[in-house]
Amino acid sequence: MFKKMLLLALGLLVMGSFFACVSLKYYTPKSSAEAAIKMVLLTWEHSWNNHDEEGVLALYHEEAKIMYGTDRQIVSKEEYVEIIPERMEEAPTVQFGTPRIKISRDEAVVNIILSMKEHDTPCTFHLVRENDKWFIMSFEYTI
Protein backbone atom coordinates (compact mmCIF):
# COMPACT_ATOMS: atom_id res chain seq x y z
CA MET A 1 0.00 0.00 0.00
CA PHE A 2 2.81 2.39 0.91
CA LYS A 3 4.51 1.77 -2.46
CA LYS A 4 1.29 2.58 -4.33
CA MET A 5 0.84 5.81 -2.39
CA LEU A 6 4.47 6.77 -2.97
CA LEU A 7 4.20 6.07 -6.71
CA LEU A 8 0.98 8.07 -6.90
CA ALA A 9 2.57 11.01 -5.05
CA LEU A 10 5.64 10.91 -7.31
CA GLY A 11 3.45 10.72 -10.41
CA LEU A 12 1.46 13.76 -9.31
CA LEU A 13 4.66 15.64 -8.54
CA VAL A 14 6.08 14.89 -11.98
CA MET A 15 2.81 15.88 -13.69
CA GLY A 16 2.64 19.09 -11.67
CA SER A 17 6.21 19.96 -12.58
CA PHE A 18 5.50 19.29 -16.25
CA PHE A 19 2.46 21.55 -16.35
CA ALA A 20 4.22 24.30 -14.39
CA CYS A 21 7.02 24.32 -16.97
CA VAL A 22 4.84 24.34 -20.08
CA SER A 23 5.63 27.40 -22.12
CA LEU A 24 3.32 29.92 -23.73
CA LYS A 25 4.07 28.59 -27.21
CA TYR A 26 2.19 25.35 -26.38
CA TYR A 27 -0.89 27.14 -25.04
CA THR A 28 -4.02 26.52 -27.11
CA PRO A 29 -6.13 29.70 -27.29
CA LYS A 30 -9.88 29.39 -26.71
CA SER A 31 -10.82 32.22 -29.10
CA SER A 32 -9.43 34.47 -31.80
CA ALA A 33 -8.95 37.22 -29.21
CA GLU A 34 -6.88 34.86 -27.05
CA ALA A 35 -4.85 33.88 -30.13
CA ALA A 36 -4.09 37.55 -30.80
CA ILE A 37 -3.09 38.11 -27.16
CA LYS A 38 -0.90 35.01 -27.24
CA MET A 39 0.84 36.45 -30.32
CA VAL A 40 1.47 39.75 -28.51
CA LEU A 41 3.10 37.90 -25.61
CA LEU A 42 5.13 35.60 -27.86
CA THR A 43 6.32 38.65 -29.79
CA TRP A 44 7.25 40.36 -26.50
CA GLU A 45 9.20 37.27 -25.39
CA HIS A 46 10.96 36.91 -28.76
CA SER A 47 11.76 40.63 -29.02
CA TRP A 48 13.10 40.72 -25.46
CA ASN A 49 15.31 37.68 -26.00
CA ASN A 50 16.72 39.25 -29.18
CA HIS A 51 17.36 42.60 -27.45
CA ASP A 52 14.93 44.24 -29.87
CA GLU A 53 14.01 47.31 -27.84
CA GLU A 54 11.81 48.79 -30.57
CA GLY A 55 9.97 45.47 -30.96
CA VAL A 56 9.13 45.34 -27.26
CA LEU A 57 8.15 49.01 -27.08
CA ALA A 58 5.86 48.68 -30.13
CA LEU A 59 3.68 46.28 -28.13
CA TYR A 60 2.96 48.85 -25.43
CA HIS A 61 0.14 51.36 -25.66
CA GLU A 62 1.29 55.00 -25.72
CA GLU A 63 -0.28 55.48 -22.27
CA ALA A 64 1.19 52.26 -20.80
CA LYS A 65 2.47 51.99 -17.24
CA ILE A 66 5.37 49.56 -16.85
CA MET A 67 6.68 48.09 -13.59
CA TYR A 68 10.35 47.23 -13.37
CA GLY A 69 13.09 46.33 -10.90
CA THR A 70 13.10 44.91 -7.42
CA ASP A 71 11.76 48.18 -6.04
CA ARG A 72 8.76 47.83 -8.42
CA GLN A 73 8.97 51.30 -9.80
CA ILE A 74 6.26 52.21 -12.33
CA VAL A 75 7.11 54.38 -15.32
CA SER A 76 5.47 55.57 -18.51
CA LYS A 77 6.35 54.13 -21.90
CA GLU A 78 8.27 57.33 -22.64
CA GLU A 79 10.38 56.85 -19.50
CA TYR A 80 10.84 53.13 -20.16
CA VAL A 81 12.60 53.91 -23.46
CA GLU A 82 15.58 55.08 -21.40
CA ILE A 83 15.46 52.10 -19.01
CA ILE A 84 14.91 49.15 -21.36
CA PRO A 85 18.55 48.71 -22.50
CA GLU A 86 19.68 48.22 -18.89
CA ARG A 87 16.73 45.90 -18.16
CA MET A 88 17.57 43.71 -21.16
CA GLU A 89 21.18 43.52 -20.01
CA GLU A 90 20.14 42.43 -16.50
CA ALA A 91 17.67 39.76 -17.67
CA PRO A 92 18.96 38.70 -21.08
CA THR A 93 16.52 35.81 -21.67
CA VAL A 94 12.99 35.24 -20.52
CA GLN A 95 10.31 32.61 -21.03
CA PHE A 96 6.59 32.78 -20.36
CA GLY A 97 4.65 29.90 -18.86
CA THR A 98 1.04 28.98 -19.56
CA PRO A 99 -1.23 32.04 -19.33
CA ARG A 100 -4.60 32.57 -17.68
CA ILE A 101 -6.39 35.01 -19.95
CA LYS A 102 -9.57 36.87 -19.01
CA ILE A 103 -11.17 39.02 -21.70
CA SER A 104 -13.97 41.52 -21.25
CA ARG A 105 -14.85 43.29 -24.49
CA ASP A 106 -11.75 45.29 -25.47
CA GLU A 107 -9.76 44.68 -22.30
CA ALA A 108 -7.82 41.64 -21.15
CA VAL A 109 -5.92 40.54 -18.07
CA VAL A 110 -3.22 37.91 -18.43
CA ASN A 111 -1.69 36.20 -15.40
CA ILE A 112 1.47 34.38 -16.35
CA ILE A 113 4.79 33.15 -14.97
CA LEU A 114 7.84 34.98 -16.28
CA SER A 115 11.01 32.91 -15.98
CA MET A 116 14.26 34.90 -15.87
CA LYS A 117 17.59 33.29 -15.10
CA GLU A 118 16.77 31.00 -12.18
CA HIS A 119 13.70 32.92 -10.98
CA ASP A 120 10.04 32.31 -11.81
CA THR A 121 7.98 35.42 -11.17
CA PRO A 122 4.20 35.69 -11.42
CA CYS A 123 3.18 38.78 -13.34
CA THR A 124 0.11 40.38 -14.84
CA PHE A 125 -0.34 42.06 -18.18
CA HIS A 126 -3.31 44.34 -18.80
CA LEU A 127 -4.10 44.75 -22.48
CA VAL A 128 -6.48 46.89 -24.45
CA ARG A 129 -7.78 46.42 -28.00
CA GLU A 130 -7.76 49.48 -30.24
CA ASN A 131 -8.57 49.32 -33.94
CA ASP A 132 -8.60 45.50 -33.77
CA LYS A 133 -5.06 45.37 -32.34
CA TRP A 134 -4.07 44.42 -28.79
CA PHE A 135 -1.63 46.63 -26.86
CA ILE A 136 -0.10 46.21 -23.41
CA MET A 137 -1.42 48.90 -21.05
CA SER A 138 0.45 47.79 -17.97
CA PHE A 139 2.85 45.18 -16.72
CA GLU A 140 3.35 44.34 -13.06
CA TYR A 141 4.94 41.70 -10.86
CA THR A 142 2.25 40.13 -8.73
CA ILE A 143 4.21 38.81 -5.76
C-alpha atoms as a PDB file:
ATOM      1  CA  MET A   1       0.000   0.000   0.000  1.00  0.00           C
ATOM      2  CA  PHE A   2       2.812   2.386   0.912  1.00  0.00           C
ATOM      3  CA  LYS A   3       4.506   1.768  -2.463  1.00  0.00           C
ATOM      4  CA  LYS A   4       1.295   2.583  -4.330  1.00  0.00           C
ATOM      5  CA  MET A   5       0.839   5.813  -2.390  1.00  0.00           C
ATOM      6  CA  LEU A   6       4.470   6.766  -2.965  1.00  0.00           C
ATOM      7  CA  LEU A   7       4.196   6.069  -6.708  1.00  0.00           C
ATOM      8  CA  LEU A   8       0.976   8.075  -6.904  1.00  0.00           C
ATOM      9  CA  ALA A   9       2.570  11.005  -5.055  1.00  0.00           C
ATOM     10  CA  LEU A  10       5.639  10.908  -7.313  1.00  0.00           C
ATOM     11  CA  GLY A  11       3.446  10.718 -10.406  1.00  0.00           C
ATOM     12  CA  LEU A  12       1.456  13.762  -9.306  1.00  0.00           C
ATOM     13  CA  LEU A  13       4.659  15.638  -8.538  1.00  0.00           C
ATOM     14  CA  VAL A  14       6.082  14.886 -11.983  1.00  0.00           C
ATOM     15  CA  MET A  15       2.812  15.881 -13.691  1.00  0.00           C
ATOM     16  CA  GLY A  16       2.641  19.093 -11.673  1.00  0.00           C
ATOM     17  CA  SER A  17       6.207  19.961 -12.582  1.00  0.00           C
ATOM     18  CA  PHE A  18       5.497  19.295 -16.254  1.00  0.00           C
ATOM     19  CA  PHE A  19       2.456  21.546 -16.346  1.00  0.00           C
ATOM     20  CA  ALA A  20       4.219  24.297 -14.386  1.00  0.00           C
ATOM     21  CA  CYS A  21       7.016  24.321 -16.972  1.00  0.00           C
ATOM     22  CA  VAL A  22       4.837  24.343 -20.078  1.00  0.00           C
ATOM     23  CA  SER A  23       5.631  27.403 -22.117  1.00  0.00           C
ATOM     24  CA  LEU A  24       3.322  29.921 -23.731  1.00  0.00           C
ATOM     25  CA  LYS A  25       4.066  28.592 -27.210  1.00  0.00           C
ATOM     26  CA  TYR A  26       2.194  25.348 -26.379  1.00  0.00           C
ATOM     27  CA  TYR A  27      -0.890  27.137 -25.038  1.00  0.00           C
ATOM     28  CA  THR A  28      -4.019  26.523 -27.106  1.00  0.00           C
ATOM     29  CA  PRO A  29      -6.127  29.704 -27.295  1.00  0.00           C
ATOM     30  CA  LYS A  30      -9.878  29.395 -26.712  1.00  0.00           C
ATOM     31  CA  SER A  31     -10.816  32.221 -29.097  1.00  0.00           C
ATOM     32  CA  SER A  32      -9.426  34.472 -31.804  1.00  0.00           C
ATOM     33  CA  ALA A  33      -8.946  37.220 -29.211  1.00  0.00           C
ATOM     34  CA  GLU A  34      -6.880  34.863 -27.050  1.00  0.00           C
ATOM     35  CA  ALA A  35      -4.854  33.877 -30.127  1.00  0.00           C
ATOM     36  CA  ALA A  36      -4.089  37.553 -30.799  1.00  0.00           C
ATOM     37  CA  ILE A  37      -3.093  38.109 -27.159  1.00  0.00           C
ATOM     38  CA  LYS A  38      -0.899  35.009 -27.237  1.00  0.00           C
ATOM     39  CA  MET A  39       0.836  36.447 -30.316  1.00  0.00           C
ATOM     40  CA  VAL A  40       1.472  39.750 -28.511  1.00  0.00           C
ATOM     41  CA  LEU A  41       3.100  37.903 -25.607  1.00  0.00           C
ATOM     42  CA  LEU A  42       5.128  35.604 -27.864  1.00  0.00           C
ATOM     43  CA  THR A  43       6.323  38.653 -29.791  1.00  0.00           C
ATOM     44  CA  TRP A  44       7.250  40.357 -26.504  1.00  0.00           C
ATOM     45  CA  GLU A  45       9.199  37.266 -25.387  1.00  0.00           C
ATOM     46  CA  HIS A  46      10.959  36.911 -28.764  1.00  0.00           C
ATOM     47  CA  SER A  47      11.764  40.628 -29.022  1.00  0.00           C
ATOM     48  CA  TRP A  48      13.100  40.723 -25.455  1.00  0.00           C
ATOM     49  CA  ASN A  49      15.307  37.680 -26.004  1.00  0.00           C
ATOM     50  CA  ASN A  50      16.723  39.250 -29.175  1.00  0.00           C
ATOM     51  CA  HIS A  51      17.358  42.596 -27.447  1.00  0.00           C
ATOM     52  CA  ASP A  52      14.930  44.239 -29.870  1.00  0.00           C
ATOM     53  CA  GLU A  53      14.006  47.314 -27.845  1.00  0.00           C
ATOM     54  CA  GLU A  54      11.805  48.793 -30.568  1.00  0.00           C
ATOM     55  CA  GLY A  55       9.974  45.474 -30.959  1.00  0.00           C
ATOM     56  CA  VAL A  56       9.126  45.343 -27.260  1.00  0.00           C
ATOM     57  CA  LEU A  57       8.152  49.014 -27.082  1.00  0.00           C
ATOM     58  CA  ALA A  58       5.860  48.681 -30.125  1.00  0.00           C
ATOM     59  CA  LEU A  59       3.678  46.282 -28.128  1.00  0.00           C
ATOM     60  CA  TYR A  60       2.960  48.852 -25.425  1.00  0.00           C
ATOM     61  CA  HIS A  61       0.136  51.365 -25.664  1.00  0.00           C
ATOM     62  CA  GLU A  62       1.288  54.997 -25.719  1.00  0.00           C
ATOM     63  CA  GLU A  63      -0.280  55.484 -22.266  1.00  0.00           C
ATOM     64  CA  ALA A  64       1.191  52.264 -20.797  1.00  0.00           C
ATOM     65  CA  LYS A  65       2.475  51.993 -17.239  1.00  0.00           C
ATOM     66  CA  ILE A  66       5.374  49.561 -16.849  1.00  0.00           C
ATOM     67  CA  MET A  67       6.677  48.088 -13.592  1.00  0.00           C
ATOM     68  CA  TYR A  68      10.354  47.235 -13.375  1.00  0.00           C
ATOM     69  CA  GLY A  69      13.085  46.332 -10.904  1.00  0.00           C
ATOM     70  CA  THR A  70      13.097  44.907  -7.417  1.00  0.00           C
ATOM     71  CA  ASP A  71      11.759  48.179  -6.037  1.00  0.00           C
ATOM     72  CA  ARG A  72       8.757  47.827  -8.416  1.00  0.00           C
ATOM     73  CA  GLN A  73       8.968  51.296  -9.805  1.00  0.00           C
ATOM     74  CA  ILE A  74       6.262  52.214 -12.335  1.00  0.00           C
ATOM     75  CA  VAL A  75       7.113  54.382 -15.321  1.00  0.00           C
ATOM     76  CA  SER A  76       5.472  55.570 -18.512  1.00  0.00           C
ATOM     77  CA  LYS A  77       6.347  54.134 -21.901  1.00  0.00           C
ATOM     78  CA  GLU A  78       8.269  57.327 -22.638  1.00  0.00           C
ATOM     79  CA  GLU A  79      10.379  56.850 -19.496  1.00  0.00           C
ATOM     80  CA  TYR A  80      10.838  53.129 -20.165  1.00  0.00           C
ATOM     81  CA  VAL A  81      12.602  53.911 -23.459  1.00  0.00           C
ATOM     82  CA  GLU A  82      15.582  55.084 -21.395  1.00  0.00           C
ATOM     83  CA  ILE A  83      15.459  52.100 -19.011  1.00  0.00           C
ATOM     84  CA  ILE A  84      14.909  49.149 -21.363  1.00  0.00           C
ATOM     85  CA  PRO A  85      18.553  48.708 -22.497  1.00  0.00           C
ATOM     86  CA  GLU A  86      19.678  48.216 -18.888  1.00  0.00           C
ATOM     87  CA  ARG A  87      16.732  45.899 -18.156  1.00  0.00           C
ATOM     88  CA  MET A  88      17.570  43.712 -21.155  1.00  0.00           C
ATOM     89  CA  GLU A  89      21.176  43.519 -20.008  1.00  0.00           C
ATOM     90  CA  GLU A  90      20.143  42.428 -16.496  1.00  0.00           C
ATOM     91  CA  ALA A  91      17.670  39.762 -17.668  1.00  0.00           C
ATOM     92  CA  PRO A  92      18.962  38.702 -21.081  1.00  0.00           C
ATOM     93  CA  THR A  93      16.525  35.811 -21.668  1.00  0.00           C
ATOM     94  CA  VAL A  94      12.986  35.238 -20.517  1.00  0.00           C
ATOM     95  CA  GLN A  95      10.311  32.608 -21.031  1.00  0.00           C
ATOM     96  CA  PHE A  96       6.591  32.779 -20.358  1.00  0.00           C
ATOM     97  CA  GLY A  97       4.651  29.895 -18.856  1.00  0.00           C
ATOM     98  CA  THR A  98       1.038  28.979 -19.560  1.00  0.00           C
ATOM     99  CA  PRO A  99      -1.227  32.036 -19.334  1.00  0.00           C
ATOM    100  CA  ARG A 100      -4.603  32.569 -17.676  1.00  0.00           C
ATOM    101  CA  ILE A 101      -6.390  35.005 -19.952  1.00  0.00           C
ATOM    102  CA  LYS A 102      -9.572  36.869 -19.014  1.00  0.00           C
ATOM    103  CA  ILE A 103     -11.168  39.019 -21.701  1.00  0.00           C
ATOM    104  CA  SER A 104     -13.970  41.522 -21.252  1.00  0.00           C
ATOM    105  CA  ARG A 105     -14.851  43.288 -24.491  1.00  0.00           C
ATOM    106  CA  ASP A 106     -11.753  45.291 -25.469  1.00  0.00           C
ATOM    107  CA  GLU A 107      -9.762  44.677 -22.299  1.00  0.00           C
ATOM    108  CA  ALA A 108      -7.820  41.645 -21.146  1.00  0.00           C
ATOM    109  CA  VAL A 109      -5.916  40.537 -18.072  1.00  0.00           C
ATOM    110  CA  VAL A 110      -3.219  37.908 -18.434  1.00  0.00           C
ATOM    111  CA  ASN A 111      -1.692  36.205 -15.404  1.00  0.00           C
ATOM    112  CA  ILE A 112       1.470  34.376 -16.355  1.00  0.00           C
ATOM    113  CA  ILE A 113       4.789  33.147 -14.970  1.00  0.00           C
ATOM    114  CA  LEU A 114       7.836  34.985 -16.278  1.00  0.00           C
ATOM    115  CA  SER A 115      11.013  32.912 -15.980  1.00  0.00           C
ATOM    116  CA  MET A 116      14.256  34.902 -15.874  1.00  0.00           C
ATOM    117  CA  LYS A 117      17.592  33.294 -15.098  1.00  0.00           C
ATOM    118  CA  GLU A 118      16.769  31.000 -12.180  1.00  0.00           C
ATOM    119  CA  HIS A 119      13.696  32.925 -10.976  1.00  0.00           C
ATOM    120  CA  ASP A 120      10.042  32.311 -11.805  1.00  0.00           C
ATOM    121  CA  THR A 121       7.984  35.416 -11.174  1.00  0.00           C
ATOM    122  CA  PRO A 122       4.200  35.689 -11.419  1.00  0.00           C
ATOM    123  CA  CYS A 123       3.185  38.778 -13.342  1.00  0.00           C
ATOM    124  CA  THR A 124       0.115  40.377 -14.835  1.00  0.00           C
ATOM    125  CA  PHE A 125      -0.341  42.059 -18.184  1.00  0.00           C
ATOM    126  CA  HIS A 126      -3.305  44.342 -18.796  1.00  0.00           C
ATOM    127  CA  LEU A 127      -4.103  44.752 -22.485  1.00  0.00           C
ATOM    128  CA  VAL A 128      -6.479  46.891 -24.455  1.00  0.00           C
ATOM    129  CA  ARG A 129      -7.779  46.422 -27.997  1.00  0.00           C
ATOM    130  CA  GLU A 130      -7.762  49.482 -30.238  1.00  0.00           C
ATOM    131  CA  ASN A 131      -8.567  49.323 -33.944  1.00  0.00           C
ATOM    132  CA  ASP A 132      -8.597  45.501 -33.771  1.00  0.00           C
ATOM    133  CA  LYS A 133      -5.063  45.375 -32.343  1.00  0.00           C
ATOM    134  CA  TRP A 134      -4.068  44.420 -28.792  1.00  0.00           C
ATOM    135  CA  PHE A 135      -1.627  46.630 -26.861  1.00  0.00           C
ATOM    136  CA  ILE A 136      -0.103  46.214 -23.409  1.00  0.00           C
ATOM    137  CA  MET A 137      -1.424  48.905 -21.054  1.00  0.00           C
ATOM    138  CA  SER A 138       0.455  47.791 -17.971  1.00  0.00           C
ATOM    139  CA  PHE A 139       2.851  45.180 -16.716  1.00  0.00           C
ATOM    140  CA  GLU A 140       3.353  44.340 -13.065  1.00  0.00           C
ATOM    141  CA  TYR A 141       4.943  41.704 -10.862  1.00  0.00           C
ATOM    142  CA  THR A 142       2.251  40.125  -8.732  1.00  0.00           C
ATOM    143  CA  ILE A 143       4.213  38.807  -5.761  1.00  0.00           C
END
